[in-house]
Amino acid sequence: MTRLFVIKNDDGSDLWVAAVIDQDVWTYVANTGKFHRNEGASDDFFFRNELEFSDIGIAEARRLIAAGVGTVDEQRWPDSVSRWRQDPSPMDPDVVFASLAADLG
């Protein structure tokens, strides 16, 4: 089962577009244009519940992605961006959205 969320920072700003697929949370990283597994977000979603996860649909996810949600400052977080760029199994947004549409169908 796939679900889409926007994850918000403590200040209420949009941090990530996220897809919960089975027992993993994938977050959209604008720097790569793909969704990547995010262990920190998974831990928070399933256990800590410190971040705000708000349900969204495909249209809202596309709007947030187009607005730049998930853009990471490469000067501040170069190692993270480098790991995402080397990720051997990222997911294309269209694959994530198709998975959600199939689950809803």
PDB file of N, CA and C in Angstrom:
ATOM      1  N   MET A   1       0.849  -1.190   0.000  1.00  0.00           N
ATOM      2  CA  MET A   1       0.000   0.000   0.000  1.00  0.00           C
ATOM      3  C   MET A   1       0.884   1.238   0.000  1.00  0.00           C
ATOM      4  N   THR A   2       0.581   2.170  -0.865  1.00  0.00           N
ATOM      5  CA  THR A   2       1.348   3.410  -0.985  1.00  0.00           C
ATOM      6  C   THR A   2       0.500   4.574  -0.497  1.00  0.00           C
ATOM      7  N   ARG A   3       1.124   5.456   0.260  1.00  0.00           N
ATOM      8  CA  ARG A   3       0.475   6.694   0.705  1.00  0.00           C
ATOM      9  C   ARG A   3       1.453   7.844   0.500  1.00  0.00           C
ATOM     10  N   LEU A   4       0.919   9.021   0.183  1.00  0.00           N
ATOM     11  CA  LEU A   4       1.739  10.220  -0.005  1.00  0.00           C
ATOM     12  C   LEU A   4       1.506  11.186   1.139  1.00  0.00           C
ATOM     13  N   PHE A   5       2.586  11.865   1.537  1.00  0.00           N
ATOM     14  CA  PHE A   5       2.544  12.851   2.608  1.00  0.00           C
ATOM     15  C   PHE A   5       3.439  14.026   2.263  1.00  0.00           C
ATOM     16  N   VAL A   6       3.191  15.128   2.915  1.00  0.00           N
ATOM     17  CA  VAL A   6       4.179  16.185   2.988  1.00  0.00           C
ATOM     18  C   VAL A   6       4.658  16.160   4.439  1.00  0.00           C
ATOM     19  N   ILE A   7       5.981  16.179   4.612  1.00  0.00           N
ATOM     20  CA  ILE A   7       6.575  16.226   5.945  1.00  0.00           C
ATOM     21  C   ILE A   7       6.954  17.672   6.204  1.00  0.00           C
ATOM     22  N   LYS A   8       6.542  18.167   7.365  1.00  0.00           N
ATOM     23  CA  LYS A   8       6.791  19.568   7.710  1.00  0.00           C
ATOM     24  C   LYS A   8       7.857  19.674   8.795  1.00  0.00           C
ATOM     25  N   ASN A   9       8.628  20.757   8.721  1.00  0.00           N
ATOM     26  CA  ASN A   9       9.605  21.106   9.753  1.00  0.00           C
ATOM     27  C   ASN A   9       8.887  21.560  11.015  1.00  0.00           C
ATOM     28  N   ASP A  10       9.652  21.741  12.078  1.00  0.00           N
ATOM     29  CA  ASP A  10       9.102  22.262  13.336  1.00  0.00           C
ATOM     30  C   ASP A  10       8.429  23.616  13.152  1.00  0.00           C
ATOM     31  N   ASP A  11       8.936  24.405  12.197  1.00  0.00           N
ATOM     32  CA  ASP A  11       8.373  25.738  11.971  1.00  0.00           C
ATOM     33  C   ASP A  11       7.166  25.714  11.034  1.00  0.00           C
ATOM     34  N   GLY A  12       6.755  24.516  10.603  1.00  0.00           N
ATOM     35  CA  GLY A  12       5.587  24.388   9.740  1.00  0.00           C
ATOM     36  C   GLY A  12       5.887  24.456   8.253  1.00  0.00           C
ATOM     37  N   SER A  13       7.156  24.689   7.898  1.00  0.00           N
ATOM     38  CA  SER A  13       7.495  24.747   6.476  1.00  0.00           C
ATOM     39  C   SER A  13       7.602  23.327   5.905  1.00  0.00           C
ATOM     40  N   ASP A  14       7.354  23.218   4.594  1.00  0.00           N
ATOM     41  CA  ASP A  14       7.395  21.926   3.920  1.00  0.00           C
ATOM     42  C   ASP A  14       8.837  21.464   3.765  1.00  0.00           C
ATOM     43  N   LEU A  15       9.123  20.251   4.234  1.00  0.00           N
ATOM     44  CA  LEU A  15      10.478  19.709   4.190  1.00  0.00           C
ATOM     45  C   LEU A  15      10.642  18.684   3.076  1.00  0.00           C
ATOM     46  N   TRP A  16       9.747  17.692   3.025  1.00  0.00           N
ATOM     47  CA  TRP A  16       9.839  16.612   2.055  1.00  0.00           C
ATOM     48  C   TRP A  16       8.458  16.255   1.518  1.00  0.00           C
ATOM     49  N   VAL A  17       8.418  15.790   0.277  1.00  0.00           N
ATOM     50  CA  VAL A  17       7.290  15.026  -0.230  1.00  0.00           C
ATOM     51  C   VAL A  17       7.690  13.580   0.016  1.00  0.00           C
ATOM     52  N   ALA A  18       6.831  12.842   0.700  1.00  0.00           N
ATOM     53  CA  ALA A  18       7.186  11.485   1.094  1.00  0.00           C
ATOM     54  C   ALA A  18       6.163  10.480   0.606  1.00  0.00           C
ATOM     55  N   ALA A  19       6.653   9.286   0.310  1.00  0.00           N
ATOM     56  CA  ALA A  19       5.804   8.156  -0.030  1.00  0.00           C
ATOM     57  C   ALA A  19       6.091   7.054   0.970  1.00  0.00           C
ATOM     58  N   VAL A  20       5.044   6.572   1.606  1.00  0.00           N
ATOM     59  CA  VAL A  20       5.180   5.413   2.474  1.00  0.00           C
ATOM     60  C   VAL A  20       4.755   4.209   1.651  1.00  0.00           C
ATOM     61  N   ILE A  21       5.713   3.338   1.410  1.00  0.00           N
ATOM     62  CA  ILE A  21       5.494   2.150   0.601  1.00  0.00           C
ATOM     63  C   ILE A  21       5.875   0.951   1.460  1.00  0.00           C
ATOM     64  N   ASP A  22       4.867   0.177   1.806  1.00  0.00           N
ATOM     65  CA  ASP A  22       5.053  -0.947   2.720  1.00  0.00           C
ATOM     66  C   ASP A  22       5.659  -0.434   4.026  1.00  0.00           C
ATOM     67  N   GLN A  23       6.865  -0.866   4.365  1.00  0.00           N
ATOM     68  CA  GLN A  23       7.480  -0.454   5.633  1.00  0.00           C
ATOM     69  C   GLN A  23       8.613   0.548   5.443  1.00  0.00           C
ATOM     70  N   ASP A  24       8.655   1.209   4.303  1.00  0.00           N
ATOM     71  CA  ASP A  24       9.705   2.197   4.021  1.00  0.00           C
ATOM     72  C   ASP A  24       9.105   3.560   3.739  1.00  0.00           C
ATOM     73  N   VAL A  25       9.832   4.592   4.127  1.00  0.00           N
ATOM     74  CA  VAL A  25       9.477   5.961   3.749  1.00  0.00           C
ATOM     75  C   VAL A  25      10.511   6.426   2.728  1.00  0.00           C
ATOM     76  N   TRP A  26      10.017   6.873   1.601  1.00  0.00           N
ATOM     77  CA  TRP A  26      10.842   7.404   0.519  1.00  0.00           C
ATOM     78  C   TRP A  26      10.575   8.901   0.449  1.00  0.00           C
ATOM     79  N   THR A  27      11.623   9.715   0.360  1.00  0.00           N
ATOM     80  CA  THR A  27      11.435  11.154   0.246  1.00  0.00           C
ATOM     81  C   THR A  27      11.982  11.631  -1.087  1.00  0.00           C
ATOM     82  N   TYR A  28      11.288  12.622  -1.640  1.00  0.00           N
ATOM     83  CA  TYR A  28      11.689  13.188  -2.926  1.00  0.00           C
ATOM     84  C   TYR A  28      12.829  14.169  -2.688  1.00  0.00           C
ATOM     85  N   VAL A  29      13.933  13.967  -3.401  1.00  0.00           N
ATOM     86  CA  VAL A  29      15.096  14.859  -3.334  1.00  0.00           C
ATOM     87  C   VAL A  29      15.174  15.597  -4.667  1.00  0.00           C
ATOM     88  N   ALA A  30      14.888  16.882  -4.630  1.00  0.00           N
ATOM     89  CA  ALA A  30      14.847  17.663  -5.869  1.00  0.00           C
ATOM     90  C   ALA A  30      16.194  17.667  -6.591  1.00  0.00           C
ATOM     91  N   ASN A  31      17.283  17.588  -5.847  1.00  0.00           N
ATOM     92  CA  ASN A  31      18.621  17.611  -6.448  1.00  0.00           C
ATOM     93  C   ASN A  31      18.834  16.445  -7.408  1.00  0.00           C
ATOM     94  N   THR A  32      18.147  15.325  -7.174  1.00  0.00           N
ATOM     95  CA  THR A  32      18.289  14.160  -8.057  1.00  0.00           C
ATOM     96  C   THR A  32      17.050  13.937  -8.909  1.00  0.00           C
ATOM     97  N   GLY A  33      15.932  14.543  -8.503  1.00  0.00           N
ATOM     98  CA  GLY A  33      14.681  14.341  -9.222  1.00  0.00           C
ATOM     99  C   GLY A  33      14.053  12.984  -8.962  1.00  0.00           C
ATOM    100  N   LYS A  34      14.457  12.331  -7.867  1.00  0.00           N
ATOM    101  CA  LYS A  34      13.995  10.978  -7.549  1.00  0.00           C
ATOM    102  C   LYS A  34      13.588  10.871  -6.081  1.00  0.00           C
ATOM    103  N   PHE A  35      12.858   9.811  -5.776  1.00  0.00           N
ATOM    104  CA  PHE A  35      12.570   9.441  -4.396  1.00  0.00           C
ATOM    105  C   PHE A  35      13.669   8.488  -3.924  1.00  0.00           C
ATOM    106  N   HIS A  36      14.092   8.665  -2.669  1.00  0.00           N
ATOM    107  CA  HIS A  36      15.123   7.820  -2.066  1.00  0.00           C
ATOM    108  C   HIS A  36      14.630   7.344  -0.709  1.00  0.00           C
ATOM    109  N   ARG A  37      15.010   6.122  -0.328  1.00  0.00           N
ATOM    110  CA  ARG A  37      14.680   5.637   1.014  1.00  0.00           C
ATOM    111  C   ARG A  37      15.276   6.602   2.034  1.00  0.00           C
ATOM    112  N   ASN A  38      14.488   6.897   3.075  1.00  0.00           N
ATOM    113  CA  ASN A  38      14.925   7.829   4.111  1.00  0.00           C
ATOM    114  C   ASN A  38      14.704   7.144   5.464  1.00  0.00           C
ATOM    115  N   GLU A  39      15.790   6.597   6.024  1.00  0.00           N
ATOM    116  CA  GLU A  39      15.684   5.846   7.271  1.00  0.00           C
ATOM    117  C   GLU A  39      15.239   6.730   8.433  1.00  0.00           C
ATOM    118  N   GLY A  40      15.696   7.981   8.451  1.00  0.00           N
ATOM    119  CA  GLY A  40      15.284   8.893   9.516  1.00  0.00           C
ATOM    120  C   GLY A  40      13.789   9.170   9.474  1.00  0.00           C
ATOM    121  N   ALA A  41      13.265   9.390   8.276  1.00  0.00           N
ATOM    122  CA  ALA A  41      11.828   9.633   8.135  1.00  0.00           C
ATOM    123  C   ALA A  41      11.039   8.370   8.462  1.00  0.00           C
ATOM    124  N   SER A  42      11.559   7.208   8.080  1.00  0.00           N
ATOM    125  CA  SER A  42      10.894   5.942   8.415  1.00  0.00           C
ATOM    126  C   SER A  42      10.819   5.767   9.922  1.00  0.00           C
ATOM    127  N   ASP A  43      11.937   6.005  10.602  1.00  0.00           N
ATOM    128  CA  ASP A  43      11.977   5.881  12.055  1.00  0.00           C
ATOM    129  C   ASP A  43      10.969   6.826  12.706  1.00  0.00           C
ATOM    130  N   ASP A  44      10.901   8.047  12.188  1.00  0.00           N
ATOM    131  CA  ASP A  44       9.955   9.004  12.763  1.00  0.00           C
ATOM    132  C   ASP A  44       8.514   8.595  12.485  1.00  0.00           C
ATOM    133  N   PHE A  45       8.225   8.180  11.265  1.00  0.00           N
ATOM    134  CA  PHE A  45       6.851   7.823  10.899  1.00  0.00           C
ATOM    135  C   PHE A  45       6.340   6.638  11.716  1.00  0.00           C
ATOM    136  N   PHE A  46       7.170   5.614  11.861  1.00  0.00           N
ATOM    137  CA  PHE A  46       6.722   4.386  12.508  1.00  0.00           C
ATOM    138  C   PHE A  46       6.923   4.365  14.030  1.00  0.00           C
ATOM    139  N   PHE A  47       7.842   5.197  14.551  1.00  0.00           N
ATOM    140  CA  PHE A  47       8.160   5.081  15.973  1.00  0.00           C
ATOM    141  C   PHE A  47       8.129   6.391  16.757  1.00  0.00           C
ATOM    142  N   ARG A  48       8.895   7.391  16.347  1.00  0.00           N
ATOM    143  CA  ARG A  48       9.064   8.610  17.162  1.00  0.00           C
ATOM    144  C   ARG A  48       7.902   9.585  17.078  1.00  0.00           C
ATOM    145  N   ASN A  49       7.340   9.765  15.900  1.00  0.00           N
ATOM    146  CA  ASN A  49       6.222  10.690  15.689  1.00  0.00           C
ATOM    147  C   ASN A  49       6.524  12.119  16.118  1.00  0.00           C
ATOM    148  N   GLU A  50       7.708  12.602  15.761  1.00  0.00           N
ATOM    149  CA  GLU A  50       8.087  13.972  16.092  1.00  0.00           C
ATOM    150  C   GLU A  50       7.786  14.956  14.965  1.00  0.00           C
ATOM    151  N   LEU A  51       7.844  14.471  13.720  1.00  0.00           N
ATOM    152  CA  LEU A  51       7.571  15.328  12.571  1.00  0.00           C
ATOM    153  C   LEU A  51       6.092  15.269  12.235  1.00  0.00           C
ATOM    154  N   GLU A  52       5.631  16.264  11.486  1.00  0.00           N
ATOM    155  CA  GLU A  52       4.235  16.296  11.051  1.00  0.00           C
ATOM    156  C   GLU A  52       4.135  15.711   9.646  1.00  0.00           C
ATOM    157  N   PHE A  53       3.370  14.634   9.502  1.00  0.00           N
ATOM    158  CA  PHE A  53       3.099  13.993   8.217  1.00  0.00           C
ATOM    159  C   PHE A  53       1.656  14.303   7.855  1.00  0.00           C
ATOM    160  N   SER A  54       1.440  15.044   6.764  1.00  0.00           N
ATOM    161  CA  SER A  54       0.084  15.378   6.323  1.00  0.00           C
ATOM    162  C   SER A  54      -0.210  14.667   5.014  1.00  0.00           C
ATOM    163  N   ASP A  55      -1.318  13.907   4.980  1.00  0.00           N
ATOM    164  CA  ASP A  55      -1.729  13.198   3.760  1.00  0.00           C
ATOM    165  C   ASP A  55      -1.928  14.165   2.606  1.00  0.00           C
ATOM    166  N   ILE A  56      -1.444  13.774   1.435  1.00  0.00           N
ATOM    167  CA  ILE A  56      -1.657  14.557   0.214  1.00  0.00           C
ATOM    168  C   ILE A  56      -1.971  13.585  -0.926  1.00  0.00           C
ATOM    169  N   GLY A  57      -2.438  14.129  -2.024  1.00  0.00           N
ATOM    170  CA  GLY A  57      -2.687  13.345  -3.226  1.00  0.00           C
ATOM    171  C   GLY A  57      -1.607  13.591  -4.264  1.00  0.00           C
ATOM    172  N   ILE A  58      -1.768  12.955  -5.396  1.00  0.00           N
ATOM    173  CA  ILE A  58      -0.774  13.068  -6.463  1.00  0.00           C
ATOM    174  C   ILE A  58      -0.662  14.500  -6.967  1.00  0.00           C
ATOM    175  N   ALA A  59      -1.777  15.174  -7.169  1.00  0.00           N
ATOM    176  CA  ALA A  59      -1.730  16.556  -7.683  1.00  0.00           C
ATOM    177  C   ALA A  59      -0.969  17.473  -6.730  1.00  0.00           C
ATOM    178  N   GLU A  60      -1.218  17.338  -5.440  1.00  0.00           N
ATOM    179  CA  GLU A  60      -0.514  18.169  -4.459  1.00  0.00           C
ATOM    180  C   GLU A  60       0.970  17.799  -4.403  1.00  0.00           C
ATOM    181  N   ALA A  61       1.289  16.529  -4.514  1.00  0.00           N
ATOM    182  CA  ALA A  61       2.691  16.109  -4.539  1.00  0.00           C
ATOM    183  C   ALA A  61       3.408  16.734  -5.738  1.00  0.00           C
ATOM    184  N   ARG A  62       2.757  16.695  -6.885  1.00  0.00           N
ATOM    185  CA  ARG A  62       3.364  17.299  -8.091  1.00  0.00           C
ATOM    186  C   ARG A  62       3.555  18.808  -7.910  1.00  0.00           C
ATOM    187  N   ARG A  63       2.568  19.458  -7.295  1.00  0.00           N
ATOM    188  CA  ARG A  63       2.667  20.906  -7.064  1.00  0.00           C
ATOM    189  C   ARG A  63       3.834  21.218  -6.128  1.00  0.00           C
ATOM    190  N   LEU A  64       3.972  20.460  -5.049  1.00  0.00           N
ATOM    191  CA  LEU A  64       5.053  20.686  -4.083  1.00  0.00           C
ATOM    192  C   LEU A  64       6.421  20.435  -4.722  1.00  0.00           C
ATOM    193  N   ILE A  65       6.516  19.374  -5.521  1.00  0.00           N
ATOM    194  CA  ILE A  65       7.771  19.076  -6.215  1.00  0.00           C
ATOM    195  C   ILE A  65       8.125  20.216  -7.164  1.00  0.00           C
ATOM    196  N   ALA A  66       7.144  20.702  -7.914  1.00  0.00           N
ATOM    197  CA  ALA A  66       7.383  21.818  -8.841  1.00  0.00           C
ATOM    198  C   ALA A  66       7.803  23.087  -8.099  1.00  0.00           C
ATOM    199  N   ALA A  67       7.329  23.230  -6.858  1.00  0.00           N
ATOM    200  CA  ALA A  67       7.675  24.402  -6.041  1.00  0.00           C
ATOM    201  C   ALA A  67       9.055  24.275  -5.392  1.00  0.00           C
ATOM    202  N   GLY A  68       9.703  23.119  -5.549  1.00  0.00           N
ATOM    203  CA  GLY A  68      11.058  22.957  -5.023  1.00  0.00           C
ATOM    204  C   GLY A  68      11.161  22.289  -3.666  1.00  0.00           C
ATOM    205  N   VAL A  69      10.048  21.756  -3.153  1.00  0.00           N
ATOM    206  CA  VAL A  69      10.123  21.049  -1.876  1.00  0.00           C
ATOM    207  C   VAL A  69      11.040  19.840  -2.052  1.00  0.00           C
ATOM    208  N   GLY A  70      11.950  19.669  -1.102  1.00  0.00           N
ATOM    209  CA  GLY A  70      12.912  18.576  -1.176  1.00  0.00           C
ATOM    210  C   GLY A  70      14.257  18.988  -1.757  1.00  0.00           C
ATOM    211  N   THR A  71      14.440  20.283  -1.992  1.00  0.00           N
ATOM    212  CA  THR A  71      15.741  20.766  -2.459  1.00  0.00           C
ATOM    213  C   THR A  71      16.681  20.854  -1.265  1.00  0.00           C
ATOM    214  N   VAL A  72      17.836  20.221  -1.386  1.00  0.00           N
ATOM    215  CA  VAL A  72      18.820  20.180  -0.302  1.00  0.00           C
ATOM    216  C   VAL A  72      19.976  21.101  -0.650  1.00  0.00           C
ATOM    217  N   ASP A  73      20.405  21.914   0.319  1.00  0.00           N
ATOM    218  CA  ASP A  73      21.537  22.821   0.148  1.00  0.00           C
ATOM    219  C   ASP A  73      22.817  22.001   0.002  1.00  0.00           C
ATOM    220  N   GLU A  74      23.354  21.963  -1.213  1.00  0.00           N
ATOM    221  CA  GLU A  74      24.533  21.135  -1.492  1.00  0.00           C
ATOM    222  C   GLU A  74      25.793  21.658  -0.827  1.00  0.00           C
ATOM    223  N   GLN A  75      25.835  22.945  -0.502  1.00  0.00           N
ATOM    224  CA  GLN A  75      26.987  23.491   0.205  1.00  0.00           C
ATOM    225  C   GLN A  75      26.988  23.044   1.667  1.00  0.00           C
ATOM    226  N   ARG A  76      25.804  22.964   2.234  1.00  0.00           N
ATOM    227  CA  ARG A  76      25.664  22.606   3.647  1.00  0.00           C
ATOM    228  C   ARG A  76      25.674  21.086   3.866  1.00  0.00           C
ATOM    229  N   TRP A  77      25.118  20.320   2.927  1.00  0.00           N
ATOM    230  CA  TRP A  77      24.962  18.876   3.067  1.00  0.00           C
ATOM    231  C   TRP A  77      25.559  18.127   1.874  1.00  0.00           C
ATOM    232  N   PRO A  78      26.840  18.371   1.534  1.00  0.00           N
ATOM    233  CA  PRO A  78      27.398  17.740   0.329  1.00  0.00           C
ATOM    234  C   PRO A  78      27.452  16.216   0.399  1.00  0.00           C
ATOM    235  N   ASP A  79      27.706  15.647   1.576  1.00  0.00           N
ATOM    236  CA  ASP A  79      27.797  14.189   1.686  1.00  0.00           C
ATOM    237  C   ASP A  79      26.445  13.526   1.449  1.00  0.00           C
ATOM    238  N   SER A  80      25.388  14.124   1.986  1.00  0.00           N
ATOM    239  CA  SER A  80      24.051  13.565   1.783  1.00  0.00           C
ATOM    240  C   SER A  80      23.677  13.588   0.309  1.00  0.00           C
ATOM    241  N   VAL A  81      23.899  14.725  -0.343  1.00  0.00           N
ATOM    242  CA  VAL A  81      23.552  14.844  -1.767  1.00  0.00           C
ATOM    243  C   VAL A  81      24.377  13.859  -2.591  1.00  0.00           C
ATOM    244  N   SER A  82      25.645  13.709  -2.243  1.00  0.00           N
ATOM    245  CA  SER A  82      26.503  12.766  -2.958  1.00  0.00           C
ATOM    246  C   SER A  82      25.983  11.331  -2.808  1.00  0.00           C
ATOM    247  N   ARG A  83      25.562  10.943  -1.603  1.00  0.00           N
ATOM    248  CA  ARG A  83      25.013   9.597  -1.385  1.00  0.00           C
ATOM    249  C   ARG A  83      23.746   9.389  -2.213  1.00  0.00           C
ATOM    250  N   TRP A  84      22.881  10.412  -2.249  1.00  0.00           N
ATOM    251  CA  TRP A  84      21.659  10.277  -3.050  1.00  0.00           C
ATOM    252  C   TRP A  84      21.986  10.133  -4.529  1.00  0.00           C
ATOM    253  N   ARG A  85      22.957  10.874  -4.992  1.00  0.00           N
ATOM    254  CA  ARG A  85      23.325  10.780  -6.416  1.00  0.00           C
ATOM    255  C   ARG A  85      23.894   9.405  -6.751  1.00  0.00           C
ATOM    256  N   GLN A  86      24.489   8.744  -5.771  1.00  0.00           N
ATOM    257  CA  GLN A  86      25.069   7.419  -5.992  1.00  0.00           C
ATOM    258  C   GLN A  86      24.103   6.288  -5.637  1.00  0.00           C
ATOM    259  N   ASP A  87      22.906   6.619  -5.193  1.00  0.00           N
ATOM    260  CA  ASP A  87      21.908   5.623  -4.806  1.00  0.00           C
ATOM    261  C   ASP A  87      21.630   4.711  -5.996  1.00  0.00           C
ATOM    262  N   PRO A  88      21.844   3.391  -5.828  1.00  0.00           N
ATOM    263  CA  PRO A  88      21.626   2.477  -6.953  1.00  0.00           C
ATOM    264  C   PRO A  88      20.154   2.164  -7.221  1.00  0.00           C
ATOM    265  N   SER A  89      19.263   2.540  -6.289  1.00  0.00           N
ATOM    266  CA  SER A  89      17.857   2.172  -6.499  1.00  0.00           C
ATOM    267  C   SER A  89      16.882   3.286  -6.108  1.00  0.00           C
ATOM    268  N   PRO A  90      17.051   4.486  -6.697  1.00  0.00           N
ATOM    269  CA  PRO A  90      16.054   5.533  -6.443  1.00  0.00           C
ATOM    270  C   PRO A  90      14.780   5.203  -7.214  1.00  0.00           C
ATOM    271  N   MET A  91      13.709   5.906  -6.897  1.00  0.00           N
ATOM    272  CA  MET A  91      12.445   5.694  -7.608  1.00  0.00           C
ATOM    273  C   MET A  91      12.011   6.975  -8.299  1.00  0.00           C
ATOM    274  N   ASP A  92      11.642   6.842  -9.532  1.00  0.00           N
ATOM    275  CA  ASP A  92      11.133   7.960 -10.308  1.00  0.00           C
ATOM    276  C   ASP A  92       9.762   8.370  -9.754  1.00  0.00           C
ATOM    277  N   PRO A  93       9.471   9.669  -9.679  1.00  0.00           N
ATOM    278  CA  PRO A  93       8.153  10.096  -9.182  1.00  0.00           C
ATOM    279  C   PRO A  93       6.988   9.435  -9.913  1.00  0.00           C
ATOM    280  N   ASP A  94       7.088   9.251 -11.225  1.00  0.00           N
ATOM    281  CA  ASP A  94       5.982   8.641 -11.970  1.00  0.00           C
ATOM    282  C   ASP A  94       5.719   7.202 -11.512  1.00  0.00           C
ATOM    283  N   VAL A  95       6.767   6.483 -11.103  1.00  0.00           N
ATOM    284  CA  VAL A  95       6.599   5.119 -10.591  1.00  0.00           C
ATOM    285  C   VAL A  95       5.874   5.162  -9.244  1.00  0.00           C
ATOM    286  N   VAL A  96       6.275   6.107  -8.387  1.00  0.00           N
ATOM    287  CA  VAL A  96       5.622   6.262  -7.082  1.00  0.00           C
ATOM    288  C   VAL A  96       4.149   6.606  -7.279  1.00  0.00           C
ATOM    289  N   PHE A  97       3.881   7.564  -8.147  1.00  0.00           N
ATOM    290  CA  PHE A  97       2.495   8.001  -8.357  1.00  0.00           C
ATOM    291  C   PHE A  97       1.655   6.889  -8.991  1.00  0.00           C
ATOM    292  N   ALA A  98       2.235   6.112  -9.898  1.00  0.00           N
ATOM    293  CA  ALA A  98       1.519   4.989 -10.505  1.00  0.00           C
ATOM    294  C   ALA A  98       1.188   3.931  -9.451  1.00  0.00           C
ATOM    295  N   SER A  99       2.110   3.725  -8.523  1.00  0.00           N
ATOM    296  CA  SER A  99       1.879   2.762  -7.441  1.00  0.00           C
ATOM    297  C   SER A  99       0.697   3.211  -6.572  1.00  0.00           C
ATOM    298  N   LEU A 100       0.653   4.503  -6.266  1.00  0.00           N
ATOM    299  CA  LEU A 100      -0.461   5.026  -5.479  1.00  0.00           C
ATOM    300  C   LEU A 100      -1.768   4.887  -6.253  1.00  0.00           C
ATOM    301  N   ALA A 101      -1.746   5.261  -7.517  1.00  0.00           N
ATOM    302  CA  ALA A 101      -2.965   5.188  -8.336  1.00  0.00           C
ATOM    303  C   ALA A 101      -3.461   3.748  -8.424  1.00  0.00           C
ATOM    304  N   ALA A 102      -2.548   2.786  -8.542  1.00  0.00           N
ATOM    305  CA  ALA A 102      -2.943   1.375  -8.606  1.00  0.00           C
ATOM    306  C   ALA A 102      -3.563   0.929  -7.291  1.00  0.00           C
ATOM    307  N   ASP A 103      -2.999   1.393  -6.165  1.00  0.00           N
ATOM    308  CA  ASP A 103      -3.555   1.042  -4.853  1.00  0.00           C
ATOM    309  C   ASP A 103      -4.945   1.625  -4.658  1.00  0.00           C
ATOM    310  N   LEU A 104      -5.177   2.812  -5.235  1.00  0.00           N
ATOM    311  CA  LEU A 104      -6.480   3.465  -5.095  1.00  0.00           C
ATOM    312  C   LEU A 104      -7.521   2.890  -6.046  1.00  0.00           C
ATOM    313  N   GLY A 105      -7.012   2.338  -7.175  1.00  0.00           N
ATOM    314  CA  GLY A 105      -7.855   1.877  -8.252  1.00  0.00           C
ATOM    315  C   GLY A 105      -8.807   0.834  -7.873  1.00  0.00           C
TER     316      GLY A 105
END
